[in-house]
Amino acid sequence: MINVARGTVLLFLVALLVGINYFTPKVEAVTISASDSQEVVQEISSQDNNNKEILDNKDNYINKADNRIEKYDINVAVDNENVGEEAEAESMEAARAFKATAYCLRGKTASGRSVRRGIVAADTRVLGLGTRIHMSAGKYSGHYVVADTGSRIRGRILDIWVPSCSEAKKWGRRTVHVKVVSKRKK
């Protein structure tokens, strides 16, 4: 009986070692790829005396002529930093009030996409499929894409997709303000 117990313990230890070895992540491959990306050296030609300067991975410049390490802070000023946002703001129409509900169904939308955050259902006569909108709705404020329709969605009614049904019930029916960012591409 003791030999059976010893054999069982030995078999358990071997299985445990094999399991640990099998399920241990291979860190070596990650370490190699991380160190490879740090070995990239960028050569910058100096306009003053044709000496080459090399940027090491600590953002220090090493001057090869006198083997000095110099640290430079590079600040770039951009005049039109928010060019994309300004163009987007110009293309937005005035905000309109919509009634909004929430839904939690799974599956595909009317546009063929899977449901996910950032999807709303709307009446296609008011907001066509593919229209990008910005909705002001408290914690649900942000950019959305009209990608779904609904049998009970008529007029200025939106249905916001949320991941849980309890969240949808908590949302209820609210008034939100919607700005059209871009219309669907035809």
N, C-alpha and C. Protein backbone atom coordinates (compact mmCIF):
# COMPACT_ATOMS: atom_id res chain seq x y z
N MET A 1 0.82 -1.19 0.00
CA MET A 1 0.00 0.00 0.00
C MET A 1 0.87 1.26 0.00
N ILE A 2 1.99 1.21 0.73
CA ILE A 2 2.89 2.36 0.79
C ILE A 2 3.51 2.59 -0.59
N ASN A 3 3.84 1.52 -1.31
CA ASN A 3 4.43 1.67 -2.64
C ASN A 3 3.45 2.32 -3.61
N VAL A 4 2.18 2.02 -3.49
CA VAL A 4 1.16 2.63 -4.34
C VAL A 4 1.07 4.12 -4.05
N ALA A 5 1.12 4.50 -2.78
CA ALA A 5 1.07 5.91 -2.39
C ALA A 5 2.30 6.64 -2.91
N ARG A 6 3.48 6.02 -2.77
CA ARG A 6 4.71 6.65 -3.27
C ARG A 6 4.65 6.80 -4.79
N GLY A 7 4.16 5.81 -5.48
CA GLY A 7 4.03 5.88 -6.94
C GLY A 7 3.05 6.96 -7.37
N THR A 8 1.97 7.11 -6.63
CA THR A 8 0.98 8.15 -6.94
C THR A 8 1.58 9.53 -6.72
N VAL A 9 2.32 9.71 -5.62
CA VAL A 9 2.96 11.00 -5.34
C VAL A 9 3.99 11.31 -6.41
N LEU A 10 4.80 10.32 -6.79
CA LEU A 10 5.81 10.52 -7.82
C LEU A 10 5.15 10.89 -9.16
N LEU A 11 4.08 10.21 -9.52
CA LEU A 11 3.36 10.50 -10.75
C LEU A 11 2.76 11.91 -10.71
N PHE A 12 2.24 12.30 -9.55
CA PHE A 12 1.68 13.64 -9.38
C PHE A 12 2.76 14.71 -9.56
N LEU A 13 3.94 14.49 -8.97
CA LEU A 13 5.03 15.47 -9.09
C LEU A 13 5.51 15.59 -10.54
N VAL A 14 5.61 14.47 -11.23
CA VAL A 14 6.02 14.51 -12.64
C VAL A 14 4.97 15.26 -13.46
N ALA A 15 3.71 14.99 -13.22
CA ALA A 15 2.63 15.69 -13.94
C ALA A 15 2.65 17.18 -13.62
N LEU A 16 2.94 17.52 -12.38
CA LEU A 16 3.01 18.93 -11.97
C LEU A 16 4.15 19.63 -12.68
N LEU A 17 5.33 19.01 -12.74
CA LEU A 17 6.48 19.62 -13.42
C LEU A 17 6.22 19.77 -14.92
N VAL A 18 5.62 18.78 -15.52
CA VAL A 18 5.29 18.87 -16.95
C VAL A 18 4.27 19.98 -17.18
N GLY A 19 3.27 20.07 -16.31
CA GLY A 19 2.26 21.12 -16.44
C GLY A 19 2.85 22.51 -16.28
N ILE A 20 3.73 22.68 -15.31
CA ILE A 20 4.37 23.99 -15.10
C ILE A 20 5.22 24.34 -16.31
N ASN A 21 5.98 23.38 -16.79
CA ASN A 21 6.84 23.62 -17.95
C ASN A 21 6.00 23.94 -19.19
N TYR A 22 4.89 23.28 -19.36
CA TYR A 22 4.05 23.48 -20.53
C TYR A 22 3.34 24.83 -20.50
N PHE A 23 2.84 25.24 -19.33
CA PHE A 23 2.05 26.46 -19.24
C PHE A 23 2.87 27.70 -18.91
N THR A 24 4.17 27.57 -18.69
CA THR A 24 5.00 28.74 -18.42
C THR A 24 5.18 29.50 -19.73
N PRO A 25 4.91 30.82 -19.72
CA PRO A 25 5.06 31.59 -20.95
C PRO A 25 6.52 31.66 -21.37
N LYS A 26 6.74 31.69 -22.64
CA LYS A 26 8.08 31.78 -23.19
C LYS A 26 8.51 33.23 -23.19
N VAL A 27 9.26 33.64 -22.18
CA VAL A 27 9.67 35.03 -22.01
C VAL A 27 10.85 35.35 -22.92
N GLU A 28 11.63 34.37 -23.28
CA GLU A 28 12.83 34.59 -24.07
C GLU A 28 12.52 35.26 -25.39
N ALA A 29 11.47 34.84 -26.08
CA ALA A 29 11.12 35.42 -27.38
C ALA A 29 10.71 36.87 -27.23
N VAL A 30 10.00 37.20 -26.18
CA VAL A 30 9.59 38.58 -25.95
C VAL A 30 10.80 39.44 -25.64
N THR A 31 11.73 38.92 -24.85
CA THR A 31 12.93 39.66 -24.48
C THR A 31 13.79 39.93 -25.71
N ILE A 32 13.91 38.96 -26.58
CA ILE A 32 14.72 39.14 -27.78
C ILE A 32 14.12 40.21 -28.68
N SER A 33 12.82 40.18 -28.90
CA SER A 33 12.21 41.19 -29.76
C SER A 33 12.27 42.57 -29.14
N ALA A 34 12.20 42.67 -27.81
CA ALA A 34 12.31 43.97 -27.16
C ALA A 34 13.72 44.51 -27.27
N SER A 35 14.73 43.67 -27.11
CA SER A 35 16.10 44.16 -27.21
C SER A 35 16.46 44.48 -28.65
N ASP A 36 15.87 43.78 -29.62
CA ASP A 36 16.12 44.10 -31.02
C ASP A 36 15.62 45.49 -31.36
N SER A 37 14.48 45.88 -30.82
CA SER A 37 13.93 47.19 -31.14
C SER A 37 14.73 48.31 -30.50
N GLN A 38 15.49 48.01 -29.44
CA GLN A 38 16.30 49.04 -28.79
C GLN A 38 17.65 49.21 -29.46
N GLU A 39 18.04 48.29 -30.32
CA GLU A 39 19.34 48.38 -30.97
C GLU A 39 19.30 49.24 -32.23
N VAL A 40 18.15 49.79 -32.55
CA VAL A 40 18.05 50.62 -33.74
C VAL A 40 18.81 51.90 -33.48
N VAL A 41 19.74 52.19 -34.36
CA VAL A 41 20.58 53.37 -34.22
C VAL A 41 20.29 54.28 -35.39
N GLN A 42 20.06 55.52 -35.09
CA GLN A 42 19.74 56.48 -36.13
C GLN A 42 20.94 57.40 -36.28
N GLU A 43 21.45 57.50 -37.49
CA GLU A 43 22.58 58.37 -37.73
C GLU A 43 22.08 59.72 -38.22
N ILE A 44 22.66 60.76 -37.66
CA ILE A 44 22.29 62.11 -38.02
C ILE A 44 23.55 62.82 -38.48
N SER A 45 23.53 63.36 -39.67
CA SER A 45 24.73 64.03 -40.15
C SER A 45 24.78 65.43 -39.59
N SER A 46 25.95 65.81 -39.15
CA SER A 46 26.15 67.13 -38.59
C SER A 46 26.49 68.09 -39.72
N GLN A 47 25.87 69.23 -39.77
CA GLN A 47 26.11 70.18 -40.85
C GLN A 47 27.35 71.03 -40.55
N ASP A 48 27.80 71.08 -39.30
CA ASP A 48 28.92 71.95 -38.94
C ASP A 48 30.26 71.40 -39.41
N ASN A 49 30.61 70.20 -39.00
CA ASN A 49 31.94 69.68 -39.29
C ASN A 49 31.89 68.28 -39.88
N ASN A 50 30.80 67.88 -40.47
CA ASN A 50 30.62 66.58 -41.11
C ASN A 50 30.91 65.41 -40.18
N ASN A 51 30.87 65.61 -38.87
CA ASN A 51 30.98 64.49 -37.93
C ASN A 51 29.64 63.82 -37.83
N LYS A 52 29.63 62.52 -37.61
CA LYS A 52 28.39 61.78 -37.44
C LYS A 52 28.03 61.78 -35.97
N GLU A 53 26.77 62.01 -35.70
CA GLU A 53 26.26 61.89 -34.35
C GLU A 53 25.31 60.71 -34.34
N ILE A 54 25.33 59.94 -33.28
CA ILE A 54 24.48 58.77 -33.17
C ILE A 54 23.54 58.98 -32.00
N LEU A 55 22.28 58.72 -32.23
CA LEU A 55 21.27 58.82 -31.17
C LEU A 55 21.18 57.47 -30.50
N ASP A 56 21.58 57.40 -29.22
CA ASP A 56 21.46 56.12 -28.52
C ASP A 56 20.06 55.98 -27.96
N ASN A 57 19.77 54.86 -27.31
CA ASN A 57 18.41 54.60 -26.87
C ASN A 57 18.01 55.39 -25.63
N LYS A 58 18.84 56.30 -25.14
CA LYS A 58 18.47 57.14 -24.01
C LYS A 58 18.26 58.58 -24.45
N ASP A 59 18.09 58.82 -25.74
CA ASP A 59 17.89 60.15 -26.31
C ASP A 59 19.08 61.07 -26.06
N ASN A 60 20.26 60.54 -25.97
CA ASN A 60 21.48 61.32 -25.84
C ASN A 60 22.23 61.26 -27.17
N TYR A 61 22.87 62.35 -27.54
CA TYR A 61 23.67 62.35 -28.75
C TYR A 61 25.11 62.09 -28.37
N ILE A 62 25.76 61.18 -29.07
CA ILE A 62 27.16 60.87 -28.82
C ILE A 62 27.94 61.42 -30.00
N ASN A 63 28.82 62.37 -29.73
CA ASN A 63 29.64 62.96 -30.76
C ASN A 63 30.85 62.07 -30.95
N LYS A 64 31.03 61.48 -32.13
CA LYS A 64 32.11 60.53 -32.36
C LYS A 64 33.48 61.22 -32.35
N ALA A 65 33.54 62.49 -32.71
CA ALA A 65 34.83 63.16 -32.80
C ALA A 65 35.50 63.28 -31.44
N ASP A 66 34.80 63.73 -30.41
CA ASP A 66 35.41 63.88 -29.09
C ASP A 66 34.81 62.98 -28.04
N ASN A 67 33.97 62.01 -28.42
CA ASN A 67 33.37 61.04 -27.51
C ASN A 67 32.66 61.71 -26.33
N ARG A 68 31.96 62.78 -26.60
CA ARG A 68 31.18 63.45 -25.56
C ARG A 68 29.72 63.05 -25.70
N ILE A 69 29.03 63.01 -24.59
CA ILE A 69 27.59 62.77 -24.61
C ILE A 69 26.91 64.10 -24.34
N GLU A 70 26.07 64.49 -25.27
CA GLU A 70 25.32 65.73 -25.12
C GLU A 70 23.85 65.39 -25.11
N LYS A 71 23.12 66.02 -24.23
CA LYS A 71 21.68 65.79 -24.15
C LYS A 71 20.98 67.01 -24.71
N TYR A 72 20.06 66.76 -25.64
CA TYR A 72 19.29 67.82 -26.25
C TYR A 72 17.82 67.63 -25.94
N ASP A 73 17.15 68.71 -25.65
CA ASP A 73 15.70 68.69 -25.54
C ASP A 73 15.16 69.28 -26.83
N ILE A 74 14.34 68.52 -27.50
CA ILE A 74 13.78 68.97 -28.77
C ILE A 74 12.31 69.26 -28.57
N ASN A 75 11.93 70.50 -28.79
CA ASN A 75 10.54 70.91 -28.69
C ASN A 75 10.08 71.35 -30.07
N VAL A 76 8.99 70.82 -30.51
CA VAL A 76 8.44 71.16 -31.81
C VAL A 76 7.14 71.91 -31.60
N ALA A 77 7.04 73.08 -32.16
CA ALA A 77 5.82 73.87 -32.05
C ALA A 77 5.02 73.69 -33.34
N VAL A 78 3.77 73.41 -33.19
CA VAL A 78 2.89 73.24 -34.34
C VAL A 78 1.81 74.30 -34.25
N ASP A 79 1.68 75.07 -35.35
CA ASP A 79 0.69 76.14 -35.35
C ASP A 79 -0.73 75.60 -35.33
N ASN A 80 -1.04 74.70 -36.23
CA ASN A 80 -2.39 74.16 -36.33
C ASN A 80 -2.41 72.76 -35.76
N GLU A 81 -2.30 72.67 -34.44
CA GLU A 81 -2.21 71.38 -33.78
C GLU A 81 -3.49 70.58 -33.92
N ASN A 82 -4.62 71.23 -33.89
CA ASN A 82 -5.91 70.54 -33.93
C ASN A 82 -6.60 70.73 -35.27
N VAL A 83 -5.86 70.61 -36.35
CA VAL A 83 -6.43 70.85 -37.67
C VAL A 83 -7.58 69.89 -37.95
N GLY A 84 -7.39 68.61 -37.65
CA GLY A 84 -8.44 67.62 -37.90
C GLY A 84 -9.69 67.90 -37.09
N GLU A 85 -9.51 68.31 -35.83
CA GLU A 85 -10.66 68.59 -34.97
C GLU A 85 -11.39 69.83 -35.44
N GLU A 86 -10.64 70.85 -35.93
CA GLU A 86 -11.29 72.06 -36.42
C GLU A 86 -12.12 71.77 -37.66
N ALA A 87 -11.57 70.98 -38.57
CA ALA A 87 -12.31 70.64 -39.78
C ALA A 87 -13.55 69.83 -39.43
N GLU A 88 -13.41 68.95 -38.44
CA GLU A 88 -14.55 68.13 -38.01
C GLU A 88 -15.62 69.02 -37.39
N ALA A 89 -15.20 70.01 -36.58
CA ALA A 89 -16.15 70.89 -35.93
C ALA A 89 -16.90 71.74 -36.96
N GLU A 90 -16.19 72.15 -38.03
CA GLU A 90 -16.85 72.94 -39.06
C GLU A 90 -17.89 72.13 -39.81
N SER A 91 -17.63 70.82 -39.98
CA SER A 91 -18.57 70.01 -40.75
C SER A 91 -19.78 69.57 -39.92
N MET A 92 -19.73 69.77 -38.60
CA MET A 92 -20.86 69.37 -37.76
C MET A 92 -22.02 70.34 -37.92
N GLU A 93 -23.19 69.81 -37.96
CA GLU A 93 -24.38 70.64 -38.01
C GLU A 93 -24.74 71.07 -36.59
N ALA A 94 -25.76 71.89 -36.46
CA ALA A 94 -26.23 72.31 -35.15
C ALA A 94 -26.80 71.10 -34.40
N ALA A 95 -26.69 71.14 -33.09
CA ALA A 95 -27.18 70.02 -32.27
C ALA A 95 -28.70 69.96 -32.33
N ARG A 96 -29.21 68.74 -32.42
CA ARG A 96 -30.65 68.51 -32.41
C ARG A 96 -30.98 67.60 -31.25
N ALA A 97 -32.16 67.77 -30.69
CA ALA A 97 -32.60 66.94 -29.56
C ALA A 97 -33.21 65.65 -30.09
N PHE A 98 -32.81 64.53 -29.49
CA PHE A 98 -33.35 63.21 -29.81
C PHE A 98 -33.76 62.54 -28.52
N LYS A 99 -34.71 61.66 -28.58
CA LYS A 99 -35.02 60.76 -27.47
C LYS A 99 -34.11 59.56 -27.64
N ALA A 100 -33.53 59.09 -26.55
CA ALA A 100 -32.60 57.97 -26.64
C ALA A 100 -32.98 56.88 -25.66
N THR A 101 -32.93 55.66 -26.14
CA THR A 101 -33.09 54.47 -25.31
C THR A 101 -31.82 53.66 -25.48
N ALA A 102 -31.71 52.54 -24.78
CA ALA A 102 -30.53 51.68 -24.90
C ALA A 102 -30.98 50.25 -25.14
N TYR A 103 -30.14 49.50 -25.86
CA TYR A 103 -30.45 48.09 -26.09
C TYR A 103 -29.20 47.25 -25.90
N CYS A 104 -29.41 45.95 -25.66
CA CYS A 104 -28.29 45.06 -25.32
C CYS A 104 -28.29 43.78 -26.14
N LEU A 105 -28.94 43.77 -27.29
CA LEU A 105 -29.01 42.56 -28.10
C LEU A 105 -27.64 42.22 -28.69
N ARG A 106 -27.40 40.96 -28.94
CA ARG A 106 -26.16 40.49 -29.56
C ARG A 106 -26.41 40.20 -31.03
N GLY A 107 -25.35 40.07 -31.78
CA GLY A 107 -25.48 39.68 -33.18
C GLY A 107 -25.03 40.75 -34.13
N LYS A 108 -25.63 40.76 -35.31
CA LYS A 108 -25.27 41.67 -36.39
C LYS A 108 -26.24 42.84 -36.45
N THR A 109 -25.73 43.97 -36.89
CA THR A 109 -26.56 45.16 -37.07
C THR A 109 -27.12 45.18 -38.49
N ALA A 110 -27.94 46.17 -38.78
CA ALA A 110 -28.52 46.29 -40.11
C ALA A 110 -27.45 46.57 -41.17
N SER A 111 -26.31 47.14 -40.75
CA SER A 111 -25.23 47.40 -41.70
C SER A 111 -24.30 46.21 -41.87
N GLY A 112 -24.57 45.12 -41.14
CA GLY A 112 -23.77 43.91 -41.27
C GLY A 112 -22.63 43.78 -40.29
N ARG A 113 -22.42 44.78 -39.45
CA ARG A 113 -21.35 44.75 -38.46
C ARG A 113 -21.84 44.05 -37.20
N SER A 114 -20.89 43.58 -36.40
CA SER A 114 -21.25 43.05 -35.08
C SER A 114 -21.51 44.22 -34.14
N VAL A 115 -22.38 44.01 -33.17
CA VAL A 115 -22.66 45.08 -32.21
C VAL A 115 -21.42 45.33 -31.36
N ARG A 116 -21.22 46.57 -30.98
CA ARG A 116 -20.10 46.98 -30.14
C ARG A 116 -20.40 48.37 -29.60
N ARG A 117 -19.57 48.82 -28.66
CA ARG A 117 -19.74 50.19 -28.16
C ARG A 117 -19.52 51.16 -29.32
N GLY A 118 -20.26 52.25 -29.29
CA GLY A 118 -20.12 53.25 -30.35
C GLY A 118 -21.11 53.06 -31.49
N ILE A 119 -22.05 52.13 -31.32
CA ILE A 119 -23.07 51.86 -32.34
C ILE A 119 -24.41 52.37 -31.83
N VAL A 120 -25.16 53.04 -32.70
CA VAL A 120 -26.52 53.43 -32.36
C VAL A 120 -27.44 52.99 -33.49
N ALA A 121 -28.69 52.79 -33.13
CA ALA A 121 -29.73 52.49 -34.11
C ALA A 121 -30.57 53.75 -34.28
N ALA A 122 -30.94 54.05 -35.52
CA ALA A 122 -31.71 55.26 -35.80
C ALA A 122 -32.65 55.01 -36.97
N ASP A 123 -33.59 55.92 -37.13
CA ASP A 123 -34.48 55.90 -38.28
C ASP A 123 -33.65 56.34 -39.49
N THR A 124 -33.58 55.51 -40.51
CA THR A 124 -32.72 55.82 -41.66
C THR A 124 -33.21 57.02 -42.47
N ARG A 125 -34.46 57.43 -42.26
CA ARG A 125 -34.94 58.64 -42.93
C ARG A 125 -34.41 59.89 -42.26
N VAL A 126 -34.02 59.78 -40.98
CA VAL A 126 -33.48 60.93 -40.24
C VAL A 126 -31.96 60.90 -40.27
N LEU A 127 -31.36 59.77 -39.92
CA LEU A 127 -29.91 59.58 -39.94
C LEU A 127 -29.63 58.28 -40.69
N GLY A 128 -29.00 58.39 -41.84
CA GLY A 128 -28.74 57.21 -42.66
C GLY A 128 -27.68 56.31 -42.05
N LEU A 129 -27.68 55.04 -42.47
CA LEU A 129 -26.66 54.10 -42.01
C LEU A 129 -25.28 54.63 -42.41
N GLY A 130 -24.33 54.53 -41.50
CA GLY A 130 -22.97 55.00 -41.75
C GLY A 130 -22.73 56.44 -41.33
N THR A 131 -23.77 57.15 -40.91
CA THR A 131 -23.61 58.53 -40.46
C THR A 131 -22.88 58.55 -39.13
N ARG A 132 -21.89 59.43 -39.03
CA ARG A 132 -21.14 59.58 -37.78
C ARG A 132 -21.72 60.77 -37.03
N ILE A 133 -21.98 60.55 -35.74
CA ILE A 133 -22.60 61.60 -34.93
C ILE A 133 -21.79 61.81 -33.66
N HIS A 134 -21.99 62.97 -33.04
CA HIS A 134 -21.45 63.22 -31.71
C HIS A 134 -22.66 63.43 -30.80
N MET A 135 -22.75 62.62 -29.76
CA MET A 135 -23.90 62.67 -28.87
C MET A 135 -23.47 63.18 -27.50
N SER A 136 -24.21 64.15 -26.97
CA SER A 136 -23.99 64.66 -25.61
C SER A 136 -25.01 63.98 -24.72
N ALA A 137 -24.53 63.02 -23.91
CA ALA A 137 -25.45 62.23 -23.09
C ALA A 137 -24.79 61.79 -21.79
N GLY A 138 -24.21 62.73 -21.07
CA GLY A 138 -23.59 62.38 -19.79
C GLY A 138 -22.42 61.44 -19.98
N LYS A 139 -22.46 60.31 -19.27
CA LYS A 139 -21.34 59.37 -19.34
C LYS A 139 -21.28 58.67 -20.69
N TYR A 140 -22.33 58.74 -21.48
CA TYR A 140 -22.35 58.13 -22.80
C TYR A 140 -22.03 59.13 -23.91
N SER A 141 -21.53 60.30 -23.55
CA SER A 141 -21.18 61.30 -24.57
C SER A 141 -20.01 60.79 -25.40
N GLY A 142 -20.03 61.13 -26.67
CA GLY A 142 -18.93 60.74 -27.55
C GLY A 142 -19.38 60.55 -28.97
N HIS A 143 -18.47 60.01 -29.77
CA HIS A 143 -18.75 59.77 -31.19
C HIS A 143 -19.38 58.40 -31.37
N TYR A 144 -20.38 58.33 -32.23
CA TYR A 144 -21.10 57.10 -32.52
C TYR A 144 -21.29 56.97 -34.02
N VAL A 145 -21.55 55.75 -34.47
CA VAL A 145 -21.85 55.48 -35.87
C VAL A 145 -23.25 54.88 -35.93
N VAL A 146 -24.08 55.42 -36.82
CA VAL A 146 -25.41 54.85 -37.02
C VAL A 146 -25.21 53.59 -37.86
N ALA A 147 -25.40 52.43 -37.23
CA ALA A 147 -25.14 51.16 -37.92
C ALA A 147 -26.30 50.19 -37.78
N ASP A 148 -27.40 50.62 -37.18
CA ASP A 148 -28.50 49.70 -36.95
C ASP A 148 -29.83 50.44 -37.09
N THR A 149 -30.88 49.66 -37.25
CA THR A 149 -32.24 50.20 -37.30
C THR A 149 -33.08 49.39 -36.32
N GLY A 150 -34.29 49.80 -36.14
CA GLY A 150 -35.19 49.06 -35.26
C GLY A 150 -36.63 49.27 -35.70
N SER A 151 -37.46 48.29 -35.43
CA SER A 151 -38.86 48.38 -35.87
C SER A 151 -39.61 49.48 -35.14
N ARG A 152 -39.20 49.81 -33.91
CA ARG A 152 -39.90 50.84 -33.14
C ARG A 152 -39.17 52.17 -33.14
N ILE A 153 -38.13 52.30 -33.94
CA ILE A 153 -37.36 53.54 -33.99
C ILE A 153 -37.87 54.36 -35.17
N ARG A 154 -38.64 55.39 -34.86
CA ARG A 154 -39.23 56.26 -35.87
C ARG A 154 -38.99 57.71 -35.48
N GLY A 155 -38.53 58.52 -36.43
CA GLY A 155 -38.31 59.93 -36.16
C GLY A 155 -37.01 60.15 -35.40
N ARG A 156 -37.04 61.11 -34.50
CA ARG A 156 -35.84 61.48 -33.74
C ARG A 156 -35.69 60.61 -32.50
N ILE A 157 -35.51 59.34 -32.71
CA ILE A 157 -35.27 58.39 -31.62
C ILE A 157 -33.99 57.63 -31.93
N LEU A 158 -33.12 57.52 -30.94
CA LEU A 158 -31.89 56.74 -31.07
C LEU A 158 -31.94 55.59 -30.09
N ASP A 159 -31.29 54.51 -30.44
CA ASP A 159 -31.17 53.35 -29.56
C ASP A 159 -29.67 53.07 -29.44
N ILE A 160 -29.10 53.27 -28.26
CA ILE A 160 -27.67 53.14 -28.03
C ILE A 160 -27.37 51.71 -27.61
N TRP A 161 -26.35 51.08 -28.24
CA TRP A 161 -25.99 49.72 -27.82
C TRP A 161 -25.11 49.79 -26.58
N VAL A 162 -25.47 48.99 -25.57
CA VAL A 162 -24.68 48.85 -24.34
C VAL A 162 -24.46 47.35 -24.10
N PRO A 163 -23.37 46.99 -23.42
CA PRO A 163 -23.04 45.57 -23.28
C PRO A 163 -23.93 44.78 -22.33
N SER A 164 -24.57 45.43 -21.37
CA SER A 164 -25.38 44.65 -20.43
C SER A 164 -26.82 45.16 -20.42
N CYS A 165 -27.75 44.23 -20.24
CA CYS A 165 -29.17 44.59 -20.22
C CYS A 165 -29.53 45.41 -18.99
N SER A 166 -28.84 45.18 -17.87
CA SER A 166 -29.12 45.98 -16.67
C SER A 166 -28.72 47.44 -16.91
N GLU A 167 -27.65 47.65 -17.65
CA GLU A 167 -27.23 49.00 -18.00
C GLU A 167 -28.27 49.65 -18.91
N ALA A 168 -28.83 48.88 -19.83
CA ALA A 168 -29.86 49.40 -20.73
C ALA A 168 -31.11 49.79 -19.96
N LYS A 169 -31.51 48.96 -18.99
CA LYS A 169 -32.69 49.28 -18.18
C LYS A 169 -32.45 50.52 -17.32
N LYS A 170 -31.22 50.64 -16.79
CA LYS A 170 -30.89 51.79 -15.96
C LYS A 170 -30.91 53.08 -16.79
N TRP A 171 -30.54 52.99 -18.06
CA TRP A 171 -30.54 54.16 -18.94
C TRP A 171 -31.95 54.70 -19.12
N GLY A 172 -32.91 53.81 -19.36
CA GLY A 172 -34.30 54.25 -19.54
C GLY A 172 -34.49 54.98 -20.85
N ARG A 173 -35.20 56.11 -20.78
CA ARG A 173 -35.45 56.94 -21.97
C ARG A 173 -35.07 58.37 -21.61
N ARG A 174 -34.12 58.94 -22.32
CA ARG A 174 -33.62 60.28 -22.02
C ARG A 174 -33.57 61.13 -23.28
N THR A 175 -33.49 62.42 -23.05
CA THR A 175 -33.28 63.35 -24.16
C THR A 175 -31.78 63.60 -24.29
N VAL A 176 -31.26 63.47 -25.50
CA VAL A 176 -29.84 63.72 -25.77
C VAL A 176 -29.73 64.72 -26.90
N HIS A 177 -28.57 65.33 -27.01
CA HIS A 177 -28.32 66.28 -28.09
C HIS A 177 -27.32 65.66 -29.05
N VAL A 178 -27.65 65.70 -30.34
CA VAL A 178 -26.86 65.03 -31.37
C VAL A 178 -26.42 66.03 -32.42
N LYS A 179 -25.13 65.97 -32.77
CA LYS A 179 -24.59 66.75 -33.89
C LYS A 179 -24.10 65.76 -34.93
N VAL A 180 -24.42 65.99 -36.18
CA VAL A 180 -23.95 65.14 -37.26
C VAL A 180 -22.53 65.56 -37.60
N VAL A 181 -21.59 64.62 -37.49
CA VAL A 181 -20.19 64.89 -37.80
C VAL A 181 -19.95 64.70 -39.29
N SER A 182 -20.38 63.56 -39.82
CA SER A 182 -20.25 63.32 -41.26
C SER A 182 -21.37 62.39 -41.71
N LYS A 183 -21.88 62.68 -42.88
CA LYS A 183 -22.95 61.85 -43.44
C LYS A 183 -22.35 60.60 -44.04
N ARG A 184 -23.19 59.62 -44.27
CA ARG A 184 -22.71 58.35 -44.84
C ARG A 184 -22.13 58.59 -46.23
N LYS A 185 -21.18 57.74 -46.57
CA LYS A 185 -20.57 57.82 -47.90
C LYS A 185 -21.45 57.04 -48.87
N LYS A 186 -21.79 57.66 -49.96
CA LYS A 186 -22.70 57.00 -50.92
C LYS A 186 -21.94 56.24 -51.96
